[in-house]
Amino acid sequence: MEHRAQWLEWVVELQALAQAGLEYGRDKYDLERYQRIREITAEMLAQQTDLPTEKVKDLFCNETGYQTPKLDTRAAIFQGERILLVQESDGRWSLPGGWVDVNVSVGENAVKEVKEEAGLDVTAELVIALQDRNRHNAPPSVYGICKVFVLCSLLGGSFQPNLETLDSGWFPLDGLPELATEKTTAEQIGMCFDAYHADRWTTLLD
């Protein structure tokens, strides 16, 4: 697993360097070299994942400009000593959340995702942590992802059928269901409990 993670880190870094070169390079021969490096990274990833090379290119090499991490919000909402989790389509559970849309702030996105996935109205109170996703969640992602954990206060609402989740529920820390660990781990939930109980919380940074 460690070897695979290291290999993937090299591929991701090469792809990012090639993307930056394509954005800022001026010499036409250098641009050709950067483009070829980008194609090689896609071919390497395709070979390791058994995905068609063109599919990998669409997913992995579809951005321009300087490459930066994507933002993923995860909302922590409590009811007494229980935390809200939503059930994913495969039956596992996670904190409600998802990619930050380009037209909303991080706090607004956390509120929006809770409404869409759990049917609840909340307010965003504070940032619990900013985490490099590949340092905390497996399997490794080909994208750089910054996970933003946001402590939220419950206002009201109830679960509504939707296209993203099957159900929602409140769980104690010692009674968590099977988690979608690529999105939420038990350690991350424990961190949210710590923030919830703290008199004063300092945002955690990787």
N, C-alpha and C. Protein backbone atom coordinates (compact mmCIF):
# COMPACT_ATOMS: atom_id res chain seq x y z
N MET A 1 0.83 -1.21 0.00
CA MET A 1 0.00 0.00 0.00
C MET A 1 0.86 1.25 0.00
N GLU A 2 1.96 1.20 0.82
CA GLU A 2 2.85 2.36 0.89
C GLU A 2 3.55 2.58 -0.45
N HIS A 3 3.97 1.47 -1.10
CA HIS A 3 4.62 1.58 -2.40
C HIS A 3 3.67 2.17 -3.43
N ARG A 4 2.41 1.72 -3.40
CA ARG A 4 1.42 2.24 -4.35
C ARG A 4 1.18 3.72 -4.13
N ALA A 5 1.12 4.14 -2.86
CA ALA A 5 0.88 5.55 -2.56
C ALA A 5 2.05 6.40 -3.05
N GLN A 6 3.28 5.92 -2.88
CA GLN A 6 4.45 6.66 -3.35
C GLN A 6 4.45 6.78 -4.87
N TRP A 7 4.14 5.69 -5.54
CA TRP A 7 4.06 5.69 -7.00
C TRP A 7 3.02 6.70 -7.48
N LEU A 8 1.87 6.72 -6.83
CA LEU A 8 0.82 7.64 -7.24
C LEU A 8 1.23 9.09 -6.98
N GLU A 9 1.93 9.34 -5.88
CA GLU A 9 2.41 10.69 -5.60
C GLU A 9 3.32 11.18 -6.71
N TRP A 10 4.20 10.31 -7.21
CA TRP A 10 5.09 10.71 -8.30
C TRP A 10 4.29 11.05 -9.56
N VAL A 11 3.31 10.23 -9.90
CA VAL A 11 2.50 10.47 -11.09
C VAL A 11 1.73 11.79 -10.96
N VAL A 12 1.14 12.02 -9.80
CA VAL A 12 0.38 13.26 -9.59
C VAL A 12 1.30 14.48 -9.68
N GLU A 13 2.50 14.38 -9.10
CA GLU A 13 3.42 15.52 -9.15
C GLU A 13 3.87 15.79 -10.58
N LEU A 14 4.19 14.74 -11.33
CA LEU A 14 4.59 14.92 -12.72
C LEU A 14 3.47 15.56 -13.53
N GLN A 15 2.25 15.13 -13.31
CA GLN A 15 1.12 15.69 -14.04
C GLN A 15 0.95 17.17 -13.72
N ALA A 16 1.12 17.53 -12.43
CA ALA A 16 0.98 18.93 -12.03
C ALA A 16 2.08 19.78 -12.63
N LEU A 17 3.32 19.26 -12.65
CA LEU A 17 4.42 20.00 -13.26
C LEU A 17 4.19 20.20 -14.75
N ALA A 18 3.70 19.16 -15.42
CA ALA A 18 3.42 19.27 -16.85
C ALA A 18 2.31 20.29 -17.11
N GLN A 19 1.29 20.30 -16.27
CA GLN A 19 0.19 21.24 -16.44
C GLN A 19 0.68 22.68 -16.26
N ALA A 20 1.52 22.90 -15.25
CA ALA A 20 2.08 24.24 -15.05
C ALA A 20 2.96 24.65 -16.22
N GLY A 21 3.74 23.70 -16.73
CA GLY A 21 4.58 24.00 -17.89
C GLY A 21 3.77 24.39 -19.10
N LEU A 22 2.66 23.71 -19.32
CA LEU A 22 1.79 24.04 -20.45
C LEU A 22 1.15 25.42 -20.29
N GLU A 23 0.93 25.83 -19.04
CA GLU A 23 0.32 27.13 -18.79
C GLU A 23 1.32 28.27 -18.95
N TYR A 24 2.53 28.07 -18.44
CA TYR A 24 3.48 29.18 -18.36
C TYR A 24 4.62 29.09 -19.37
N GLY A 25 4.80 27.93 -20.01
CA GLY A 25 5.87 27.78 -20.98
C GLY A 25 5.62 28.60 -22.24
N ARG A 26 6.70 29.01 -22.91
CA ARG A 26 6.58 29.81 -24.12
C ARG A 26 7.24 29.15 -25.32
N ASP A 27 8.29 28.39 -25.08
CA ASP A 27 8.99 27.73 -26.18
C ASP A 27 8.15 26.57 -26.72
N LYS A 28 7.96 26.53 -28.01
CA LYS A 28 7.06 25.52 -28.58
C LYS A 28 7.57 24.10 -28.38
N TYR A 29 8.89 23.95 -28.33
CA TYR A 29 9.45 22.61 -28.12
C TYR A 29 9.26 22.17 -26.67
N ASP A 30 9.40 23.12 -25.74
CA ASP A 30 9.12 22.80 -24.34
C ASP A 30 7.66 22.42 -24.15
N LEU A 31 6.77 23.13 -24.83
CA LEU A 31 5.34 22.82 -24.71
C LEU A 31 5.05 21.40 -25.21
N GLU A 32 5.71 21.00 -26.28
CA GLU A 32 5.54 19.64 -26.78
C GLU A 32 6.02 18.62 -25.74
N ARG A 33 7.13 18.94 -25.06
CA ARG A 33 7.65 18.03 -24.04
C ARG A 33 6.71 17.94 -22.84
N TYR A 34 6.19 19.09 -22.42
CA TYR A 34 5.25 19.08 -21.30
C TYR A 34 3.99 18.28 -21.65
N GLN A 35 3.52 18.44 -22.88
CA GLN A 35 2.33 17.69 -23.30
C GLN A 35 2.60 16.19 -23.29
N ARG A 36 3.81 15.81 -23.75
CA ARG A 36 4.15 14.39 -23.76
C ARG A 36 4.27 13.84 -22.34
N ILE A 37 4.86 14.62 -21.43
CA ILE A 37 4.95 14.18 -20.03
C ILE A 37 3.55 13.95 -19.47
N ARG A 38 2.63 14.85 -19.80
CA ARG A 38 1.26 14.70 -19.31
C ARG A 38 0.62 13.43 -19.86
N GLU A 39 0.87 13.15 -21.13
CA GLU A 39 0.33 11.93 -21.74
C GLU A 39 0.91 10.69 -21.08
N ILE A 40 2.20 10.72 -20.77
CA ILE A 40 2.85 9.57 -20.13
C ILE A 40 2.24 9.30 -18.76
N THR A 41 1.97 10.36 -17.99
CA THR A 41 1.37 10.15 -16.67
C THR A 41 0.00 9.49 -16.80
N ALA A 42 -0.76 9.89 -17.81
CA ALA A 42 -2.07 9.27 -18.03
C ALA A 42 -1.92 7.81 -18.41
N GLU A 43 -0.92 7.51 -19.25
CA GLU A 43 -0.68 6.12 -19.67
C GLU A 43 -0.25 5.27 -18.48
N MET A 44 0.60 5.83 -17.61
CA MET A 44 1.02 5.10 -16.41
C MET A 44 -0.16 4.80 -15.50
N LEU A 45 -1.01 5.81 -15.29
CA LEU A 45 -2.17 5.62 -14.42
C LEU A 45 -3.15 4.62 -15.02
N ALA A 46 -3.33 4.68 -16.33
CA ALA A 46 -4.23 3.74 -17.01
C ALA A 46 -3.74 2.31 -16.84
N GLN A 47 -2.44 2.11 -16.97
CA GLN A 47 -1.87 0.76 -16.84
C GLN A 47 -2.08 0.20 -15.43
N GLN A 48 -1.98 1.05 -14.43
CA GLN A 48 -2.11 0.60 -13.05
C GLN A 48 -3.56 0.40 -12.63
N THR A 49 -4.49 1.09 -13.28
CA THR A 49 -5.90 1.03 -12.88
C THR A 49 -6.77 0.23 -13.83
N ASP A 50 -6.21 -0.18 -14.97
CA ASP A 50 -6.96 -0.93 -15.99
C ASP A 50 -8.08 -0.10 -16.61
N LEU A 51 -7.97 1.23 -16.50
CA LEU A 51 -8.92 2.10 -17.18
C LEU A 51 -8.38 2.46 -18.56
N PRO A 52 -9.27 2.71 -19.54
CA PRO A 52 -8.78 3.15 -20.86
C PRO A 52 -8.01 4.46 -20.74
N THR A 53 -6.93 4.58 -21.51
CA THR A 53 -6.09 5.77 -21.43
C THR A 53 -6.89 7.04 -21.69
N GLU A 54 -7.80 7.01 -22.67
CA GLU A 54 -8.58 8.21 -22.97
C GLU A 54 -9.49 8.60 -21.80
N LYS A 55 -10.02 7.59 -21.09
CA LYS A 55 -10.84 7.88 -19.91
C LYS A 55 -10.00 8.54 -18.83
N VAL A 56 -8.78 8.04 -18.63
CA VAL A 56 -7.89 8.64 -17.63
C VAL A 56 -7.55 10.07 -18.02
N LYS A 57 -7.28 10.31 -19.29
CA LYS A 57 -6.97 11.66 -19.75
C LYS A 57 -8.13 12.61 -19.45
N ASP A 58 -9.36 12.14 -19.68
CA ASP A 58 -10.53 12.98 -19.41
C ASP A 58 -10.63 13.35 -17.94
N LEU A 59 -10.31 12.39 -17.06
CA LEU A 59 -10.43 12.61 -15.62
C LEU A 59 -9.23 13.30 -15.01
N PHE A 60 -8.05 12.95 -15.53
CA PHE A 60 -6.80 13.31 -14.87
C PHE A 60 -6.11 14.52 -15.51
N CYS A 61 -6.37 14.75 -16.78
CA CYS A 61 -5.64 15.78 -17.53
C CYS A 61 -6.60 16.79 -18.15
N ASN A 62 -7.66 17.11 -17.44
CA ASN A 62 -8.71 17.95 -18.02
C ASN A 62 -8.65 19.39 -17.55
N GLU A 63 -7.62 19.77 -16.78
CA GLU A 63 -7.55 21.12 -16.26
C GLU A 63 -6.43 21.90 -16.92
N THR A 64 -6.56 23.22 -16.86
CA THR A 64 -5.50 24.09 -17.33
C THR A 64 -5.14 25.07 -16.22
N GLY A 65 -4.04 25.78 -16.39
CA GLY A 65 -3.62 26.71 -15.37
C GLY A 65 -2.83 26.00 -14.28
N TYR A 66 -2.44 26.75 -13.28
CA TYR A 66 -1.66 26.19 -12.19
C TYR A 66 -2.57 25.29 -11.35
N GLN A 67 -2.11 24.06 -11.09
CA GLN A 67 -2.96 23.08 -10.41
C GLN A 67 -2.98 23.34 -8.90
N THR A 68 -4.18 23.39 -8.35
CA THR A 68 -4.36 23.58 -6.91
C THR A 68 -5.31 22.51 -6.38
N PRO A 69 -5.31 22.27 -5.06
CA PRO A 69 -6.20 21.24 -4.51
C PRO A 69 -7.68 21.60 -4.67
N LYS A 70 -8.50 20.57 -4.77
CA LYS A 70 -9.94 20.75 -4.73
C LYS A 70 -10.38 20.83 -3.27
N LEU A 71 -11.50 21.49 -3.02
CA LEU A 71 -12.03 21.62 -1.66
C LEU A 71 -13.22 20.69 -1.45
N ASP A 72 -13.20 19.99 -0.32
CA ASP A 72 -14.29 19.09 0.05
C ASP A 72 -14.72 19.45 1.47
N THR A 73 -15.98 19.82 1.66
CA THR A 73 -16.46 20.13 3.01
C THR A 73 -17.12 18.92 3.64
N ARG A 74 -16.95 18.79 4.97
CA ARG A 74 -17.63 17.77 5.76
C ARG A 74 -18.20 18.46 7.00
N ALA A 75 -19.51 18.31 7.19
CA ALA A 75 -20.20 19.01 8.27
C ALA A 75 -20.36 18.10 9.48
N ALA A 76 -20.04 18.63 10.66
CA ALA A 76 -20.22 17.92 11.92
C ALA A 76 -21.38 18.55 12.68
N ILE A 77 -22.48 17.81 12.82
CA ILE A 77 -23.68 18.31 13.51
C ILE A 77 -23.98 17.35 14.65
N PHE A 78 -24.25 17.90 15.81
CA PHE A 78 -24.45 17.06 17.00
C PHE A 78 -25.85 17.24 17.58
N GLN A 79 -26.32 16.16 18.15
CA GLN A 79 -27.55 16.16 18.94
C GLN A 79 -27.21 15.40 20.22
N GLY A 80 -26.94 16.16 21.29
CA GLY A 80 -26.43 15.52 22.50
C GLY A 80 -25.08 14.89 22.24
N GLU A 81 -24.94 13.60 22.55
CA GLU A 81 -23.68 12.90 22.35
C GLU A 81 -23.70 12.04 21.08
N ARG A 82 -24.49 12.46 20.11
CA ARG A 82 -24.57 11.74 18.84
C ARG A 82 -24.28 12.69 17.69
N ILE A 83 -23.61 12.16 16.65
CA ILE A 83 -23.25 12.95 15.48
C ILE A 83 -24.07 12.48 14.28
N LEU A 84 -24.38 13.41 13.40
CA LEU A 84 -25.17 13.07 12.21
C LEU A 84 -24.30 12.45 11.13
N LEU A 85 -24.73 11.31 10.62
CA LEU A 85 -24.10 10.69 9.47
C LEU A 85 -25.17 10.42 8.41
N VAL A 86 -24.74 10.41 7.15
CA VAL A 86 -25.66 10.09 6.05
C VAL A 86 -25.20 8.79 5.41
N GLN A 87 -26.17 8.03 4.90
CA GLN A 87 -25.88 6.73 4.30
C GLN A 87 -25.67 6.90 2.80
N GLU A 88 -24.49 6.50 2.34
CA GLU A 88 -24.17 6.58 0.92
C GLU A 88 -24.92 5.51 0.13
N SER A 89 -24.85 5.60 -1.19
CA SER A 89 -25.60 4.68 -2.04
C SER A 89 -25.15 3.23 -1.90
N ASP A 90 -23.90 3.02 -1.42
CA ASP A 90 -23.42 1.65 -1.24
C ASP A 90 -23.71 1.10 0.15
N GLY A 91 -24.45 1.87 0.97
CA GLY A 91 -24.84 1.41 2.29
C GLY A 91 -23.93 1.86 3.41
N ARG A 92 -22.74 2.36 3.09
CA ARG A 92 -21.84 2.86 4.12
C ARG A 92 -22.20 4.29 4.50
N TRP A 93 -21.56 4.82 5.55
CA TRP A 93 -21.96 6.10 6.12
C TRP A 93 -20.80 7.09 6.13
N SER A 94 -21.16 8.38 6.11
CA SER A 94 -20.15 9.43 6.15
C SER A 94 -20.75 10.71 6.73
N LEU A 95 -19.88 11.65 7.08
CA LEU A 95 -20.35 12.99 7.39
C LEU A 95 -20.91 13.61 6.12
N PRO A 96 -22.02 14.36 6.21
CA PRO A 96 -22.54 15.00 4.99
C PRO A 96 -21.54 15.98 4.43
N GLY A 97 -21.45 16.01 3.10
CA GLY A 97 -20.51 16.94 2.48
C GLY A 97 -20.27 16.62 1.03
N GLY A 98 -19.34 17.37 0.44
CA GLY A 98 -19.02 17.18 -0.96
C GLY A 98 -18.17 18.32 -1.48
N TRP A 99 -17.94 18.30 -2.80
CA TRP A 99 -17.12 19.33 -3.44
C TRP A 99 -17.72 20.72 -3.21
N VAL A 100 -16.84 21.70 -3.01
CA VAL A 100 -17.28 23.08 -2.86
C VAL A 100 -17.59 23.65 -4.25
N ASP A 101 -18.81 24.10 -4.45
CA ASP A 101 -19.19 24.72 -5.71
C ASP A 101 -18.48 26.06 -5.88
N VAL A 102 -18.26 26.44 -7.14
CA VAL A 102 -17.47 27.64 -7.41
C VAL A 102 -18.19 28.93 -7.01
N ASN A 103 -19.49 28.88 -6.86
CA ASN A 103 -20.25 30.11 -6.59
C ASN A 103 -20.69 30.25 -5.14
N VAL A 104 -20.11 29.43 -4.23
CA VAL A 104 -20.46 29.54 -2.82
C VAL A 104 -19.18 29.50 -1.98
N SER A 105 -19.27 30.00 -0.75
CA SER A 105 -18.13 29.93 0.17
C SER A 105 -18.07 28.54 0.80
N VAL A 106 -16.98 28.28 1.52
CA VAL A 106 -16.84 27.00 2.20
C VAL A 106 -17.98 26.79 3.20
N GLY A 107 -18.27 27.84 3.99
CA GLY A 107 -19.36 27.72 4.97
C GLY A 107 -20.71 27.50 4.30
N GLU A 108 -20.96 28.25 3.24
CA GLU A 108 -22.23 28.07 2.52
C GLU A 108 -22.34 26.69 1.93
N ASN A 109 -21.22 26.14 1.46
CA ASN A 109 -21.26 24.80 0.87
C ASN A 109 -21.57 23.74 1.92
N ALA A 110 -21.00 23.89 3.12
CA ALA A 110 -21.29 22.93 4.19
C ALA A 110 -22.78 22.93 4.51
N VAL A 111 -23.36 24.12 4.61
CA VAL A 111 -24.80 24.25 4.89
C VAL A 111 -25.61 23.63 3.76
N LYS A 112 -25.23 23.91 2.53
CA LYS A 112 -25.95 23.40 1.36
C LYS A 112 -25.93 21.88 1.30
N GLU A 113 -24.75 21.29 1.54
CA GLU A 113 -24.63 19.84 1.46
C GLU A 113 -25.47 19.14 2.53
N VAL A 114 -25.53 19.71 3.72
CA VAL A 114 -26.36 19.13 4.79
C VAL A 114 -27.83 19.16 4.37
N LYS A 115 -28.24 20.25 3.79
CA LYS A 115 -29.64 20.37 3.35
C LYS A 115 -29.94 19.34 2.26
N GLU A 116 -29.03 19.20 1.29
CA GLU A 116 -29.26 18.29 0.17
C GLU A 116 -29.20 16.83 0.60
N GLU A 117 -28.27 16.47 1.48
CA GLU A 117 -28.06 15.07 1.81
C GLU A 117 -28.83 14.59 3.03
N ALA A 118 -29.16 15.52 3.95
CA ALA A 118 -29.83 15.11 5.19
C ALA A 118 -31.16 15.81 5.41
N GLY A 119 -31.47 16.84 4.61
CA GLY A 119 -32.73 17.56 4.76
C GLY A 119 -32.77 18.50 5.95
N LEU A 120 -31.60 18.76 6.56
CA LEU A 120 -31.56 19.59 7.77
C LEU A 120 -31.08 21.01 7.47
N ASP A 121 -31.60 21.95 8.27
CA ASP A 121 -31.14 23.33 8.22
C ASP A 121 -30.12 23.53 9.34
N VAL A 122 -28.94 24.05 8.97
CA VAL A 122 -27.88 24.26 9.95
C VAL A 122 -27.21 25.61 9.70
N THR A 123 -26.44 26.06 10.67
CA THR A 123 -25.56 27.19 10.48
C THR A 123 -24.12 26.72 10.69
N ALA A 124 -23.21 27.25 9.89
CA ALA A 124 -21.80 26.91 10.02
C ALA A 124 -21.18 27.78 11.11
N GLU A 125 -20.52 27.15 12.08
CA GLU A 125 -20.00 27.88 13.24
C GLU A 125 -18.49 28.08 13.20
N LEU A 126 -17.73 27.02 12.95
CA LEU A 126 -16.27 27.16 12.94
C LEU A 126 -15.64 26.03 12.14
N VAL A 127 -14.41 26.27 11.71
CA VAL A 127 -13.65 25.26 10.99
C VAL A 127 -12.89 24.40 12.00
N ILE A 128 -13.20 23.12 12.02
CA ILE A 128 -12.53 22.20 12.94
C ILE A 128 -11.13 21.88 12.46
N ALA A 129 -11.00 21.59 11.17
CA ALA A 129 -9.69 21.19 10.64
C ALA A 129 -9.63 21.38 9.14
N LEU A 130 -8.42 21.61 8.66
CA LEU A 130 -8.10 21.56 7.23
C LEU A 130 -7.12 20.41 7.05
N GLN A 131 -7.52 19.40 6.29
CA GLN A 131 -6.70 18.20 6.16
C GLN A 131 -6.38 17.89 4.71
N ASP A 132 -5.15 17.46 4.48
CA ASP A 132 -4.76 16.89 3.20
C ASP A 132 -5.39 15.50 3.12
N ARG A 133 -6.31 15.32 2.21
CA ARG A 133 -7.09 14.09 2.17
C ARG A 133 -6.24 12.83 2.07
N ASN A 134 -5.17 12.87 1.27
CA ASN A 134 -4.36 11.66 1.09
C ASN A 134 -3.54 11.29 2.32
N ARG A 135 -3.45 12.19 3.30
CA ARG A 135 -2.77 11.86 4.55
C ARG A 135 -3.69 11.16 5.55
N HIS A 136 -4.99 11.19 5.27
CA HIS A 136 -5.95 10.70 6.26
C HIS A 136 -6.95 9.68 5.72
N ASN A 137 -7.17 9.68 4.41
CA ASN A 137 -8.19 8.81 3.82
C ASN A 137 -7.59 7.95 2.73
N ALA A 138 -8.08 6.73 2.61
CA ALA A 138 -7.61 5.79 1.59
C ALA A 138 -8.82 5.29 0.79
N PRO A 139 -8.59 4.87 -0.46
CA PRO A 139 -7.31 4.84 -1.16
C PRO A 139 -6.87 6.23 -1.61
N PRO A 140 -5.59 6.38 -2.01
CA PRO A 140 -5.11 7.70 -2.45
C PRO A 140 -5.90 8.21 -3.65
N SER A 141 -6.04 9.52 -3.73
CA SER A 141 -6.74 10.15 -4.85
C SER A 141 -5.72 10.72 -5.82
N VAL A 142 -6.08 10.73 -7.11
CA VAL A 142 -5.19 11.33 -8.11
C VAL A 142 -5.27 12.85 -8.07
N TYR A 143 -6.24 13.39 -7.37
CA TYR A 143 -6.36 14.83 -7.20
C TYR A 143 -5.83 15.24 -5.83
N GLY A 144 -5.26 16.44 -5.76
CA GLY A 144 -4.99 17.03 -4.46
C GLY A 144 -6.31 17.52 -3.87
N ILE A 145 -6.62 17.11 -2.66
CA ILE A 145 -7.90 17.46 -2.05
C ILE A 145 -7.67 17.99 -0.65
N CYS A 146 -8.23 19.14 -0.36
CA CYS A 146 -8.23 19.70 1.00
C CYS A 146 -9.61 19.48 1.60
N LYS A 147 -9.67 18.71 2.69
CA LYS A 147 -10.93 18.45 3.37
C LYS A 147 -11.11 19.49 4.48
N VAL A 148 -12.27 20.14 4.47
CA VAL A 148 -12.58 21.18 5.45
C VAL A 148 -13.71 20.67 6.34
N PHE A 149 -13.40 20.42 7.61
CA PHE A 149 -14.40 19.95 8.57
C PHE A 149 -15.00 21.16 9.28
N VAL A 150 -16.32 21.28 9.21
CA VAL A 150 -17.01 22.46 9.72
C VAL A 150 -18.00 22.05 10.81
N LEU A 151 -17.85 22.63 12.00
CA LEU A 151 -18.81 22.39 13.08
C LEU A 151 -20.05 23.23 12.81
N CYS A 152 -21.21 22.59 12.81
CA CYS A 152 -22.46 23.27 12.48
C CYS A 152 -23.47 23.11 13.61
N SER A 153 -24.38 24.08 13.72
CA SER A 153 -25.46 24.03 14.71
C SER A 153 -26.76 23.69 14.00
N LEU A 154 -27.53 22.80 14.62
CA LEU A 154 -28.79 22.34 14.04
C LEU A 154 -29.90 23.35 14.30
N LEU A 155 -30.64 23.68 13.24
CA LEU A 155 -31.79 24.57 13.35
C LEU A 155 -33.11 23.80 13.26
N GLY A 156 -33.14 22.79 12.39
CA GLY A 156 -34.37 22.03 12.23
C GLY A 156 -34.34 21.23 10.94
N GLY A 157 -35.50 20.67 10.58
CA GLY A 157 -35.60 19.89 9.35
C GLY A 157 -35.65 18.41 9.62
N SER A 158 -35.77 17.64 8.55
CA SER A 158 -35.81 16.18 8.64
C SER A 158 -35.35 15.60 7.31
N PHE A 159 -34.94 14.34 7.35
CA PHE A 159 -34.42 13.70 6.15
C PHE A 159 -35.48 13.66 5.06
N GLN A 160 -35.03 13.96 3.84
CA GLN A 160 -35.90 13.90 2.68
C GLN A 160 -35.26 13.01 1.61
N PRO A 161 -36.05 12.19 0.92
CA PRO A 161 -35.48 11.37 -0.15
C PRO A 161 -34.74 12.25 -1.16
N ASN A 162 -33.57 11.78 -1.61
CA ASN A 162 -32.77 12.56 -2.55
C ASN A 162 -31.93 11.62 -3.40
N LEU A 163 -31.18 12.18 -4.35
CA LEU A 163 -30.41 11.38 -5.29
C LEU A 163 -29.04 10.97 -4.75
N GLU A 164 -28.62 11.53 -3.61
CA GLU A 164 -27.26 11.31 -3.15
C GLU A 164 -27.15 10.33 -1.98
N THR A 165 -28.14 10.32 -1.09
CA THR A 165 -28.04 9.49 0.11
C THR A 165 -29.31 8.67 0.31
N LEU A 166 -29.15 7.55 1.03
CA LEU A 166 -30.27 6.65 1.28
C LEU A 166 -30.99 6.97 2.59
N ASP A 167 -30.25 7.51 3.56
CA ASP A 167 -30.83 7.73 4.89
C ASP A 167 -29.88 8.61 5.69
N SER A 168 -30.31 9.02 6.86
CA SER A 168 -29.43 9.71 7.80
C SER A 168 -29.72 9.17 9.19
N GLY A 169 -28.78 9.39 10.10
CA GLY A 169 -28.98 8.90 11.46
C GLY A 169 -27.99 9.55 12.41
N TRP A 170 -28.29 9.42 13.71
CA TRP A 170 -27.45 10.00 14.77
C TRP A 170 -26.73 8.87 15.48
N PHE A 171 -25.41 8.98 15.64
CA PHE A 171 -24.61 7.88 16.17
C PHE A 171 -23.66 8.37 17.26
N PRO A 172 -23.50 7.56 18.33
CA PRO A 172 -22.48 7.87 19.35
C PRO A 172 -21.11 7.47 18.82
N LEU A 173 -20.07 8.02 19.41
CA LEU A 173 -18.71 7.72 18.95
C LEU A 173 -18.38 6.24 19.11
N ASP A 174 -18.93 5.60 20.14
CA ASP A 174 -18.62 4.18 20.36
C ASP A 174 -19.62 3.26 19.66
N GLY A 175 -20.44 3.81 18.77
CA GLY A 175 -21.41 2.99 18.05
C GLY A 175 -21.54 3.39 16.60
N LEU A 176 -20.41 3.64 15.96
CA LEU A 176 -20.43 4.09 14.56
C LEU A 176 -20.75 2.93 13.62
N PRO A 177 -21.49 3.17 12.55
CA PRO A 177 -21.75 2.14 11.55
C PRO A 177 -20.55 1.98 10.62
N GLU A 178 -20.65 1.12 9.62
CA GLU A 178 -19.57 0.96 8.65
C GLU A 178 -19.41 2.26 7.87
N LEU A 179 -18.20 2.79 7.86
CA LEU A 179 -17.96 4.10 7.28
C LEU A 179 -17.42 4.01 5.85
N ALA A 180 -17.76 5.01 5.06
CA ALA A 180 -17.14 5.20 3.74
C ALA A 180 -15.82 5.92 3.99
N THR A 181 -14.78 5.16 4.30
CA THR A 181 -13.55 5.73 4.84
C THR A 181 -12.81 6.60 3.83
N GLU A 182 -13.10 6.49 2.54
CA GLU A 182 -12.49 7.41 1.60
C GLU A 182 -13.03 8.83 1.78
N LYS A 183 -14.18 8.94 2.48
CA LYS A 183 -14.78 10.24 2.76
C LYS A 183 -14.66 10.63 4.23
N THR A 184 -14.88 9.67 5.13
CA THR A 184 -14.89 9.94 6.57
C THR A 184 -14.35 8.74 7.33
N THR A 185 -13.39 8.98 8.21
CA THR A 185 -12.85 7.91 9.05
C THR A 185 -13.33 8.08 10.49
N ALA A 186 -13.16 7.02 11.27
CA ALA A 186 -13.52 7.10 12.69
C ALA A 186 -12.65 8.14 13.40
N GLU A 187 -11.38 8.24 13.00
CA GLU A 187 -10.50 9.23 13.60
C GLU A 187 -10.99 10.65 13.32
N GLN A 188 -11.48 10.89 12.12
CA GLN A 188 -12.00 12.22 11.79
C GLN A 188 -13.27 12.53 12.58
N ILE A 189 -14.10 11.53 12.77
CA ILE A 189 -15.29 11.74 13.59
C ILE A 189 -14.90 12.00 15.03
N GLY A 190 -13.91 11.26 15.53
CA GLY A 190 -13.43 11.50 16.89
C GLY A 190 -12.91 12.92 17.04
N MET A 191 -12.21 13.43 16.03
CA MET A 191 -11.74 14.81 16.04
C MET A 191 -12.90 15.79 16.14
N CYS A 192 -13.98 15.50 15.44
CA CYS A 192 -15.17 16.37 15.49
C CYS A 192 -15.80 16.36 16.89
N PHE A 193 -15.82 15.19 17.53
CA PHE A 193 -16.32 15.11 18.91
C PHE A 193 -15.45 15.96 19.83
N ASP A 194 -14.14 15.90 19.63
CA ASP A 194 -13.22 16.70 20.46
C ASP A 194 -13.52 18.19 20.30
N ALA A 195 -13.76 18.62 19.08
CA ALA A 195 -14.06 20.03 18.83
C ALA A 195 -15.38 20.42 19.47
N TYR A 196 -16.36 19.53 19.39
CA TYR A 196 -17.69 19.78 19.95
C TYR A 196 -17.62 19.96 21.47
N HIS A 197 -16.74 19.20 22.13
CA HIS A 197 -16.65 19.25 23.59
C HIS A 197 -15.71 20.35 24.10
N ALA A 198 -14.90 20.92 23.21
CA ALA A 198 -13.90 21.88 23.64
C ALA A 198 -14.53 23.22 24.01
N ASP A 199 -14.02 23.83 25.08
CA ASP A 199 -14.46 25.18 25.44
C ASP A 199 -13.97 26.19 24.40
N ARG A 200 -12.77 25.97 23.92
CA ARG A 200 -12.21 26.82 22.85
C ARG A 200 -11.40 25.91 21.94
N TRP A 201 -11.72 25.93 20.67
CA TRP A 201 -11.09 25.02 19.73
C TRP A 201 -10.20 25.80 18.78
N THR A 202 -9.00 25.29 18.55
CA THR A 202 -8.08 25.86 17.56
C THR A 202 -8.08 24.99 16.32
N THR A 203 -8.37 25.58 15.19
CA THR A 203 -8.42 24.84 13.94
C THR A 203 -7.13 24.06 13.72
N LEU A 204 -7.27 22.77 13.36
CA LEU A 204 -6.13 21.90 13.11
C LEU A 204 -5.69 22.01 11.66
N LEU A 205 -4.39 22.11 11.46
CA LEU A 205 -3.83 22.21 10.12
C LEU A 205 -2.81 21.13 9.91
N ASP A 206 -2.83 20.49 8.73
CA ASP A 206 -1.78 19.53 8.38
C ASP A 206 -0.49 20.30 8.13
